[in-house]
């Protein structure tokens, strides 16, 4: 087990908003939001008023009357995000990029060249600020999970180094929502049981925690609460899944509401799967209700899929199953779909009609091939003329609030 703090987690601060303030210096120090109908990102000045990503533009203006909305410079986001993360590559080859604006790095093998991990982190922050013009926060710790938490504590524009000898004292005093895997719903359920800090969670009886989050998640959270995280830096990280979700506000749990949303999500996901020739076998849906409580349902298929219509149909069946199990829930606030167990190298193969239950959805069946041909035709039209050149009628207009360029940056998991 590693006994020294050599893992860095670097995270650009309020990245999209910071880029806009860099491109237009007149916006510096002012509350700004990227977007319009929906807030895609907010500056720290806007966050101080309670403005946050995913919030409606109307609500954001109510909280912050002087909020300035900007449209977004997506090519600059990619360019500057690449430049910032590439600074880490100048210090170590062991860099694992997590998203457009954050990455892990292991500097254990380069301290003899560049100094201690803290000195390396300081140099990275200085270069990103000086050469690129963006603020970046870095956490340094013995494990990936703790390094990520340390970078969150360091925000905005700071550096936190966690000494291995005091890591549990540091970790256990922090709020439980800083942990990976603890979202608003889990936080609320833990709070009902008087659990507000990571230390309190660490000392929960295993059976008690598992009743809140399930067995697998309970075991993982307990391990992370005691800073047991064996994950290493993956320099050639490949996506294990592809997913998308949509916040609905408060909508009735009715088929005319969730069917077009699921079709739109399936369209986004399946398009990316086909582009990389990586269909998947396991489909999972997430349904969040009005009280922020979420449920998931999943199914593993015999044959991998990447057809939009098939994915949408399967997702709808799973959502119907989730709603049937929760008949008292009348409001949906979020829907999500993910596809996992992705194939690495795959081509469609014709199948004989054996009368299997799922035959119409199998990629190599007559109907499956027809769907594949139709999807590929849609893909080619969009590649040439843009995403909105052709859309499924049932999902028409659902993507208007969030630009496709922003979705592409946020969903780069393939």
Protein backbone atom coordinates (compact mmCIF):
# COMPACT_ATOMS: atom_id res chain seq x y z
CA UNK A 1 0.00 0.00 0.00
CA UNK A 2 1.24 3.49 -0.85
CA UNK A 3 2.34 5.29 2.33
CA UNK A 4 3.10 8.74 0.91
CA UNK A 5 0.84 11.37 -0.59
CA UNK A 6 1.75 11.34 -4.28
CA UNK A 7 -1.65 11.41 -6.01
CA UNK A 8 -2.76 14.79 -7.37
CA UNK A 9 -6.30 15.68 -8.34
CA UNK A 10 -6.37 18.86 -10.41
CA UNK A 11 -9.71 20.57 -11.04
CA UNK A 12 -10.19 23.82 -12.95
CA UNK A 13 -12.40 26.20 -10.95
CA UNK A 14 -15.87 27.07 -12.35
CA UNK A 15 -14.28 26.15 -15.66
CA UNK A 16 -16.77 27.31 -18.29
CA UNK A 17 -17.50 30.56 -16.48
CA UNK A 18 -13.78 31.15 -15.83
CA UNK A 19 -13.07 30.75 -19.55
CA UNK A 20 -15.72 33.35 -20.36
CA UNK A 21 -14.16 35.77 -17.86
CA UNK A 22 -10.74 35.08 -19.39
CA UNK A 23 -12.00 35.79 -22.91
CA UNK A 24 -13.85 38.94 -21.82
CA UNK A 25 -12.01 40.68 -18.95
CA UNK A 26 -14.99 43.01 -18.41
CA UNK A 27 -16.83 40.01 -16.91
CA UNK A 28 -14.24 39.40 -14.20
CA UNK A 29 -15.59 39.77 -10.69
CA UNK A 30 -19.18 39.78 -11.94
CA UNK A 31 -21.88 37.11 -11.53
CA UNK A 32 -22.14 35.34 -14.86
CA UNK A 33 -23.84 32.22 -16.15
CA UNK A 34 -23.21 30.26 -19.31
CA UNK A 35 -26.49 29.44 -21.03
CA UNK A 36 -29.89 31.06 -21.29
CA UNK A 37 -33.01 29.02 -20.68
CA UNK A 38 -30.93 26.72 -18.50
CA UNK A 39 -27.78 27.57 -16.52
CA UNK A 40 -24.99 25.39 -17.92
CA UNK A 41 -22.37 26.79 -15.54
CA UNK A 42 -22.02 29.67 -13.09
CA UNK A 43 -19.13 31.79 -11.84
CA UNK A 44 -18.28 31.86 -8.14
CA UNK A 45 -19.76 35.35 -7.97
CA UNK A 46 -23.08 33.90 -9.21
CA UNK A 47 -22.82 30.82 -6.99
CA UNK A 48 -22.69 33.16 -3.98
CA UNK A 49 -26.32 34.03 -4.78
CA UNK A 50 -27.32 30.37 -5.02
CA UNK A 51 -27.13 30.07 -8.80
CA UNK A 52 -26.06 26.59 -9.93
CA UNK A 53 -25.78 24.46 -13.06
CA UNK A 54 -29.02 22.90 -14.25
CA UNK A 55 -31.13 25.71 -12.80
CA UNK A 56 -33.66 27.45 -15.03
CA UNK A 57 -32.63 30.87 -16.28
CA UNK A 58 -35.75 32.37 -14.73
CA UNK A 59 -34.93 31.01 -11.28
CA UNK A 60 -31.31 32.13 -11.61
CA UNK A 61 -32.40 35.71 -12.35
CA UNK A 62 -34.73 35.66 -9.35
CA UNK A 63 -31.79 34.73 -7.11
CA UNK A 64 -29.37 37.11 -8.78
CA UNK A 65 -31.06 40.05 -10.58
CA UNK A 66 -27.71 41.32 -11.91
CA UNK A 67 -26.75 37.96 -13.42
CA UNK A 68 -25.09 38.22 -16.83
CA UNK A 69 -25.81 35.40 -19.28
CA UNK A 70 -23.23 34.53 -21.95
CA UNK A 71 -23.67 32.14 -24.86
CA UNK A 72 -20.59 29.93 -24.55
CA UNK A 73 -17.37 29.45 -26.56
CA UNK A 74 -17.20 25.67 -26.89
CA UNK A 75 -14.06 25.43 -29.02
CA UNK A 76 -12.23 27.58 -26.48
CA UNK A 77 -13.41 25.31 -23.66
CA UNK A 78 -11.84 22.32 -25.38
CA UNK A 79 -8.65 24.21 -26.31
CA UNK A 80 -8.04 25.66 -22.86
CA UNK A 81 -9.06 22.50 -21.04
CA UNK A 82 -6.55 20.51 -23.10
CA UNK A 83 -3.83 23.08 -22.44
CA UNK A 84 -4.39 23.03 -18.68
CA UNK A 85 -4.40 19.23 -18.37
CA UNK A 86 -1.32 19.01 -20.60
CA UNK A 87 0.64 20.93 -17.97
CA UNK A 88 0.44 17.79 -15.80
CA UNK A 89 1.98 15.78 -18.64
CA UNK A 90 5.11 17.95 -18.40
CA UNK A 91 5.71 16.58 -14.91
CA UNK A 92 4.62 12.93 -15.11
CA UNK A 93 3.41 10.44 -17.74
CA UNK A 94 0.96 8.98 -15.21
CA UNK A 95 -2.02 11.24 -15.92
CA UNK A 96 -5.64 10.07 -15.97
CA UNK A 97 -8.01 12.61 -17.43
CA UNK A 98 -11.49 12.36 -15.96
CA UNK A 99 -13.27 15.12 -17.84
CA UNK A 100 -12.58 18.25 -19.83
CA UNK A 101 -11.52 20.14 -16.69
CA UNK A 102 -10.09 17.61 -14.22
CA UNK A 103 -7.48 14.88 -14.00
CA UNK A 104 -5.53 12.68 -11.62
CA UNK A 105 -1.74 12.40 -11.71
CA UNK A 106 0.76 10.22 -9.84
CA UNK A 107 4.04 12.05 -9.22
CA UNK A 108 5.80 9.36 -7.17
CA UNK A 109 8.37 8.75 -9.89
CA UNK A 110 9.32 12.35 -10.62
CA UNK A 111 9.97 13.91 -7.21
CA UNK A 112 13.73 13.60 -7.76
CA UNK A 113 13.33 15.88 -10.78
CA UNK A 114 10.74 18.42 -9.66
CA UNK A 115 10.62 18.32 -5.87
CA UNK A 116 7.97 17.13 -3.43
CA UNK A 117 4.37 16.48 -4.50
CA UNK A 118 3.37 19.76 -2.86
CA UNK A 119 6.06 21.62 -4.82
CA UNK A 120 4.93 19.97 -8.05
CA UNK A 121 1.31 20.91 -7.36
CA UNK A 122 2.37 24.49 -6.67
CA UNK A 123 4.30 24.60 -9.95
CA UNK A 124 1.32 23.20 -11.89
CA UNK A 125 -1.03 25.79 -10.40
CA UNK A 126 1.42 28.60 -11.14
CA UNK A 127 1.84 27.55 -14.77
CA UNK A 128 -1.88 27.11 -15.40
CA UNK A 129 -2.54 30.55 -13.93
CA UNK A 130 0.40 32.29 -15.67
CA UNK A 131 0.51 30.55 -19.05
CA UNK A 132 -3.19 29.88 -19.57
CA UNK A 133 -4.87 32.39 -17.29
CA UNK A 134 -7.21 30.05 -15.42
CA UNK A 135 -7.58 29.22 -11.71
CA UNK A 136 -7.07 25.58 -10.73
CA UNK A 137 -7.40 23.80 -7.40
CA UNK A 138 -5.32 20.74 -6.53
CA UNK A 139 -5.61 18.14 -3.80
CA UNK A 140 -2.68 15.91 -2.89
CA UNK A 141 -3.21 12.68 -0.97
CA UNK A 142 -2.33 9.01 -0.72
CA UNK A 143 -5.44 7.80 -2.59
CA UNK A 144 -7.50 9.02 -5.53
CA UNK A 145 -10.67 9.45 -3.50
CA UNK A 146 -8.98 11.53 -0.83
CA UNK A 147 -7.10 13.61 -3.41
CA UNK A 148 -10.40 14.48 -5.11
CA UNK A 149 -11.96 15.45 -1.78
CA UNK A 150 -8.88 17.56 -0.97
CA UNK A 151 -9.24 19.47 -4.25
CA UNK A 152 -12.88 20.20 -3.38
CA UNK A 153 -11.80 21.52 0.01
CA UNK A 154 -9.12 23.61 -1.72
CA UNK A 155 -11.62 25.48 -3.90
CA UNK A 156 -11.61 28.11 -5.05
CA UNK A 157 -8.10 28.43 -6.48
CA UNK A 158 -6.26 26.62 -3.70
CA UNK A 159 -4.02 23.72 -2.74
CA UNK A 160 -4.58 21.15 0.01
CA UNK A 161 -2.01 18.48 0.87
CA UNK A 162 -3.22 15.70 3.18
CA UNK A 163 -0.53 14.16 5.36
CA UNK A 164 -1.01 10.35 5.55
CA UNK A 165 -0.52 10.51 9.31
CA UNK A 166 -3.51 12.80 9.74
CA UNK A 167 -5.68 11.76 6.80
CA UNK A 168 -8.49 10.23 8.87
CA UNK A 169 -8.69 13.30 11.11
CA UNK A 170 -8.94 15.42 7.97
CA UNK A 171 -11.44 13.15 6.26
CA UNK A 172 -13.79 12.36 9.14
CA UNK A 173 -14.60 16.00 9.93
CA UNK A 174 -15.82 16.72 6.41
CA UNK A 175 -19.47 16.68 5.26
CA UNK A 176 -20.61 13.36 3.88
CA UNK A 177 -21.71 14.84 0.53
CA UNK A 178 -18.06 15.33 -0.46
CA UNK A 179 -17.74 11.57 -0.89
CA UNK A 180 -17.91 10.02 -4.33
CA UNK A 181 -21.33 8.42 -4.68
CA UNK A 182 -23.20 10.54 -2.12
CA UNK A 183 -25.65 12.70 -4.03
CA UNK A 184 -28.59 14.76 -2.75
CA UNK A 185 -30.89 11.77 -2.28
CA UNK A 186 -28.34 9.71 -0.33
CA UNK A 187 -27.35 12.77 1.69
CA UNK A 188 -31.00 13.31 2.65
CA UNK A 189 -31.49 9.67 3.67
CA UNK A 190 -28.32 9.72 5.76
CA UNK A 191 -29.35 12.99 7.39
CA UNK A 192 -32.61 11.35 8.49
CA UNK A 193 -30.45 8.97 10.50
CA UNK A 194 -28.28 11.74 11.96
CA UNK A 195 -25.33 11.09 9.63
CA UNK A 196 -23.81 14.38 8.47
CA UNK A 197 -20.03 13.80 8.44
CA UNK A 198 -17.78 11.20 6.85
CA UNK A 199 -16.64 10.16 10.31
CA UNK A 200 -20.21 9.44 11.37
CA UNK A 201 -20.70 7.36 8.24
CA UNK A 202 -17.45 5.50 8.87
CA UNK A 203 -18.73 4.40 12.26
CA UNK A 204 -22.19 3.32 11.10
CA UNK A 205 -22.88 -0.40 11.53
CA UNK A 206 -22.59 -2.10 8.15
CA UNK A 207 -26.14 -3.43 8.22
CA UNK A 208 -27.49 0.02 8.99
CA UNK A 209 -25.69 1.71 6.10
CA UNK A 210 -26.69 -1.07 3.71
CA UNK A 211 -30.35 -0.48 4.56
CA UNK A 212 -29.89 3.08 3.30
CA UNK A 213 -27.86 2.57 0.12
CA UNK A 214 -27.77 -1.18 -0.52
CA UNK A 215 -25.08 -3.78 0.10
CA UNK A 216 -22.58 -2.98 -2.64
CA UNK A 217 -22.77 0.80 -2.20
CA UNK A 218 -22.62 0.42 1.57
CA UNK A 219 -19.44 -1.63 1.43
CA UNK A 220 -17.85 0.84 -0.99
CA UNK A 221 -18.78 3.90 1.07
CA UNK A 222 -17.48 2.31 4.27
CA UNK A 223 -14.15 1.55 2.58
CA UNK A 224 -13.84 5.08 1.23
CA UNK A 225 -14.77 6.58 4.61
CA UNK A 226 -11.73 4.79 6.04
CA UNK A 227 -9.66 5.89 3.02
CA UNK A 228 -9.39 2.39 1.60
CA UNK A 229 -9.18 3.05 -2.13
CA UNK A 230 -6.94 0.66 -4.13
CA UNK A 231 -7.51 2.31 -7.50
CA UNK A 232 -4.44 3.27 -9.50
CA UNK A 233 -3.95 5.88 -12.20
CA UNK A 234 -5.28 4.61 -15.54
CA UNK A 235 -3.40 6.44 -18.27
CA UNK A 236 -5.33 4.68 -21.05
CA UNK A 237 -8.71 4.91 -19.47
CA UNK A 238 -11.50 3.54 -21.64
CA UNK A 239 -15.14 4.19 -21.04
CA UNK A 240 -16.97 1.41 -19.25
CA UNK A 241 -20.36 2.95 -19.94
CA UNK A 242 -22.18 5.69 -21.80
CA UNK A 243 -25.04 7.59 -20.25
CA UNK A 244 -27.16 10.72 -20.24
CA UNK A 245 -29.81 12.16 -17.98
CA UNK A 246 -32.38 14.92 -18.03
CA UNK A 247 -33.73 16.97 -15.12
CA UNK A 248 -37.46 17.45 -15.58
CA UNK A 249 -38.33 19.76 -12.72
CA UNK A 250 -41.65 18.36 -11.45
CA UNK A 251 -43.52 16.40 -14.12
CA UNK A 252 -46.31 13.82 -13.77
CA UNK A 253 -45.19 10.18 -14.00
CA UNK A 254 -47.12 9.58 -17.19
CA UNK A 255 -46.10 7.88 -20.41
CA UNK A 256 -46.68 10.99 -22.52
CA UNK A 257 -44.11 12.72 -20.33
CA UNK A 258 -41.37 10.12 -19.98
CA UNK A 259 -41.54 8.45 -23.41
CA UNK A 260 -40.22 11.45 -25.44
CA UNK A 261 -37.54 12.14 -22.80
CA UNK A 262 -36.36 8.54 -22.94
CA UNK A 263 -36.33 8.62 -26.74
CA UNK A 264 -34.21 11.77 -26.67
CA UNK A 265 -31.76 10.30 -24.13
CA UNK A 266 -31.54 7.04 -26.07
CA UNK A 267 -30.83 9.01 -29.24
CA UNK A 268 -27.92 10.84 -27.60
CA UNK A 269 -26.42 7.69 -26.12
CA UNK A 270 -26.91 5.36 -29.08
CA UNK A 271 -25.39 7.91 -31.47
CA UNK A 272 -22.18 7.91 -29.42
CA UNK A 273 -22.14 4.10 -29.17
CA UNK A 274 -22.44 3.76 -32.94
CA UNK A 275 -19.78 6.40 -33.60
CA UNK A 276 -17.26 4.32 -31.66
CA UNK A 277 -18.63 0.89 -32.67
CA UNK A 278 -19.10 0.04 -28.99
CA UNK A 279 -22.62 -1.32 -28.36
CA UNK A 280 -23.49 -2.47 -24.85
CA UNK A 281 -25.29 -5.35 -23.17
CA UNK A 282 -26.51 -3.82 -19.90
CA UNK A 283 -29.12 -1.05 -19.90
CA UNK A 284 -29.81 0.84 -16.67
CA UNK A 285 -32.40 3.53 -16.03
CA UNK A 286 -32.56 5.95 -13.13
CA UNK A 287 -35.80 7.55 -12.01
CA UNK A 288 -35.76 10.35 -9.45
CA UNK A 289 -38.97 11.34 -7.71
CA UNK A 290 -40.15 14.63 -6.22
CA UNK A 291 -38.44 14.04 -2.85
CA UNK A 292 -35.08 13.42 -4.65
CA UNK A 293 -35.28 9.71 -3.87
CA UNK A 294 -33.98 7.70 -6.83
CA UNK A 295 -34.49 4.14 -7.99
CA UNK A 296 -32.69 2.22 -10.70
CA UNK A 297 -33.63 -0.74 -12.85
CA UNK A 298 -31.36 -2.64 -15.25
CA UNK A 299 -31.34 -5.54 -17.66
CA UNK A 300 -28.48 -7.44 -19.31
CA UNK A 301 -29.14 -8.53 -22.89
CA UNK A 302 -27.85 -11.55 -24.77
CA UNK A 303 -26.76 -9.36 -27.68
CA UNK A 304 -25.23 -5.86 -27.46
CA UNK A 305 -27.30 -2.98 -28.81
CA UNK A 306 -26.64 0.48 -30.23
CA UNK A 307 -29.97 1.10 -31.96
CA UNK A 308 -31.83 4.19 -30.79
CA UNK A 309 -35.32 2.68 -31.01
CA UNK A 310 -34.32 -0.54 -29.23
CA UNK A 311 -32.58 1.32 -26.43
CA UNK A 312 -35.58 3.63 -25.99
CA UNK A 313 -38.01 0.69 -25.85
CA UNK A 314 -35.94 -1.15 -23.26
CA UNK A 315 -35.54 2.00 -21.17
CA UNK A 316 -39.30 2.59 -21.26
CA UNK A 317 -39.96 -0.95 -20.02
CA UNK A 318 -37.52 -0.42 -17.15
CA UNK A 319 -39.09 2.90 -16.20
CA UNK A 320 -42.54 1.32 -16.26
CA UNK A 321 -41.23 -1.41 -13.97
CA UNK A 322 -39.80 1.16 -11.55
CA UNK A 323 -43.07 3.10 -11.46
CA UNK A 324 -45.09 -0.09 -10.94
CA UNK A 325 -42.96 -0.85 -7.89
CA UNK A 326 -43.62 2.67 -6.52
CA UNK A 327 -47.33 3.28 -7.20
CA UNK A 328 -47.52 6.16 -4.71
CA UNK A 329 -44.96 8.20 -6.62
CA UNK A 330 -46.80 10.57 -8.95
CA UNK A 331 -44.02 13.05 -9.83
CA UNK A 332 -40.74 12.51 -11.73
CA UNK A 333 -37.90 15.02 -11.38
CA UNK A 334 -35.16 13.27 -13.38
CA UNK A 335 -34.68 10.43 -15.86
CA UNK A 336 -31.38 8.86 -16.84
CA UNK A 337 -30.19 6.00 -19.06
CA UNK A 338 -26.78 4.34 -19.15
CA UNK A 339 -25.40 1.48 -21.23
CA UNK A 340 -22.54 -0.64 -19.87
CA UNK A 341 -20.67 -3.85 -20.67
CA UNK A 342 -19.54 -2.20 -23.89
CA UNK A 343 -18.08 -4.32 -26.66
CA UNK A 344 -14.57 -3.30 -27.75
CA UNK A 345 -14.68 -4.46 -31.36
CA UNK A 346 -18.02 -5.28 -32.92
CA UNK A 347 -19.76 -5.57 -36.27
CA UNK A 348 -23.39 -6.38 -37.00
CA UNK A 349 -23.89 -10.04 -37.93
CA UNK A 350 -27.03 -11.40 -39.56
CA UNK A 351 -29.10 -13.81 -37.48
CA UNK A 352 -31.58 -16.47 -38.54
CA UNK A 353 -35.19 -16.10 -37.33
CA UNK A 354 -35.35 -18.62 -34.49
CA UNK A 355 -38.39 -17.06 -32.80
CA UNK A 356 -36.51 -15.77 -29.73
CA UNK A 357 -38.40 -13.50 -27.32
CA UNK A 358 -36.09 -10.56 -27.99
CA UNK A 359 -35.62 -11.28 -31.68
CA UNK A 360 -37.00 -7.96 -32.93
CA UNK A 361 -34.41 -6.09 -30.87
CA UNK A 362 -31.42 -8.24 -31.74
CA UNK A 363 -29.09 -6.25 -34.01
CA UNK A 364 -28.75 -9.03 -36.60
CA UNK A 365 -32.47 -9.77 -36.99
CA UNK A 366 -34.47 -8.44 -39.92
CA UNK A 367 -35.97 -5.62 -37.86
CA UNK A 368 -32.68 -5.02 -36.05
CA UNK A 369 -30.86 -4.58 -39.36
CA UNK A 370 -33.57 -2.20 -40.57
CA UNK A 371 -33.11 -0.10 -37.45
CA UNK A 372 -29.33 -0.16 -37.87
CA UNK A 373 -29.60 1.06 -41.48
CA UNK A 374 -32.00 3.84 -40.48
CA UNK A 375 -29.78 4.93 -37.58
CA UNK A 376 -26.68 5.03 -39.75
CA UNK A 377 -28.53 7.16 -42.30
CA UNK A 378 -29.50 9.59 -39.54
CA UNK A 379 -25.89 9.64 -38.30
CA UNK A 380 -24.58 10.54 -41.75
CA UNK A 381 -27.09 13.38 -42.16
CA UNK A 382 -26.16 14.80 -38.76
CA UNK A 383 -22.42 14.47 -39.46
CA UNK A 384 -22.87 16.61 -42.53
CA UNK A 385 -25.61 19.08 -41.55
CA UNK A 386 -25.64 19.09 -37.74
CA UNK A 387 -27.62 17.33 -35.04
CA UNK A 388 -30.87 19.21 -35.55
CA UNK A 389 -31.00 18.46 -39.29
CA UNK A 390 -33.04 15.37 -38.42
CA UNK A 391 -34.76 14.38 -35.16
CA UNK A 392 -37.18 11.75 -33.97
CA UNK A 393 -40.69 13.20 -33.95
CA UNK A 394 -41.47 12.00 -30.41
CA UNK A 395 -38.42 13.81 -29.05
CA UNK A 396 -38.59 16.93 -31.20
CA UNK A 397 -37.48 20.06 -29.40
CA UNK A 398 -36.27 18.43 -26.18
CA UNK A 399 -32.64 19.36 -26.76
CA UNK A 400 -33.19 23.08 -27.35
CA UNK A 401 -32.27 24.27 -23.86
CA UNK A 402 -28.75 22.82 -23.90
CA UNK A 403 -26.48 23.26 -26.94
CA UNK A 404 -25.17 20.08 -28.53
CA UNK A 405 -21.60 21.39 -28.20
CA UNK A 406 -22.00 21.53 -24.43
CA UNK A 407 -23.45 18.03 -24.34
CA UNK A 408 -20.50 16.75 -26.34
CA UNK A 409 -18.00 18.27 -23.91
CA UNK A 410 -19.88 16.98 -20.87
CA UNK A 411 -20.46 13.48 -22.29
CA UNK A 412 -16.94 12.65 -23.51
CA UNK A 413 -16.90 9.23 -21.92
CA UNK A 414 -16.23 7.34 -25.17
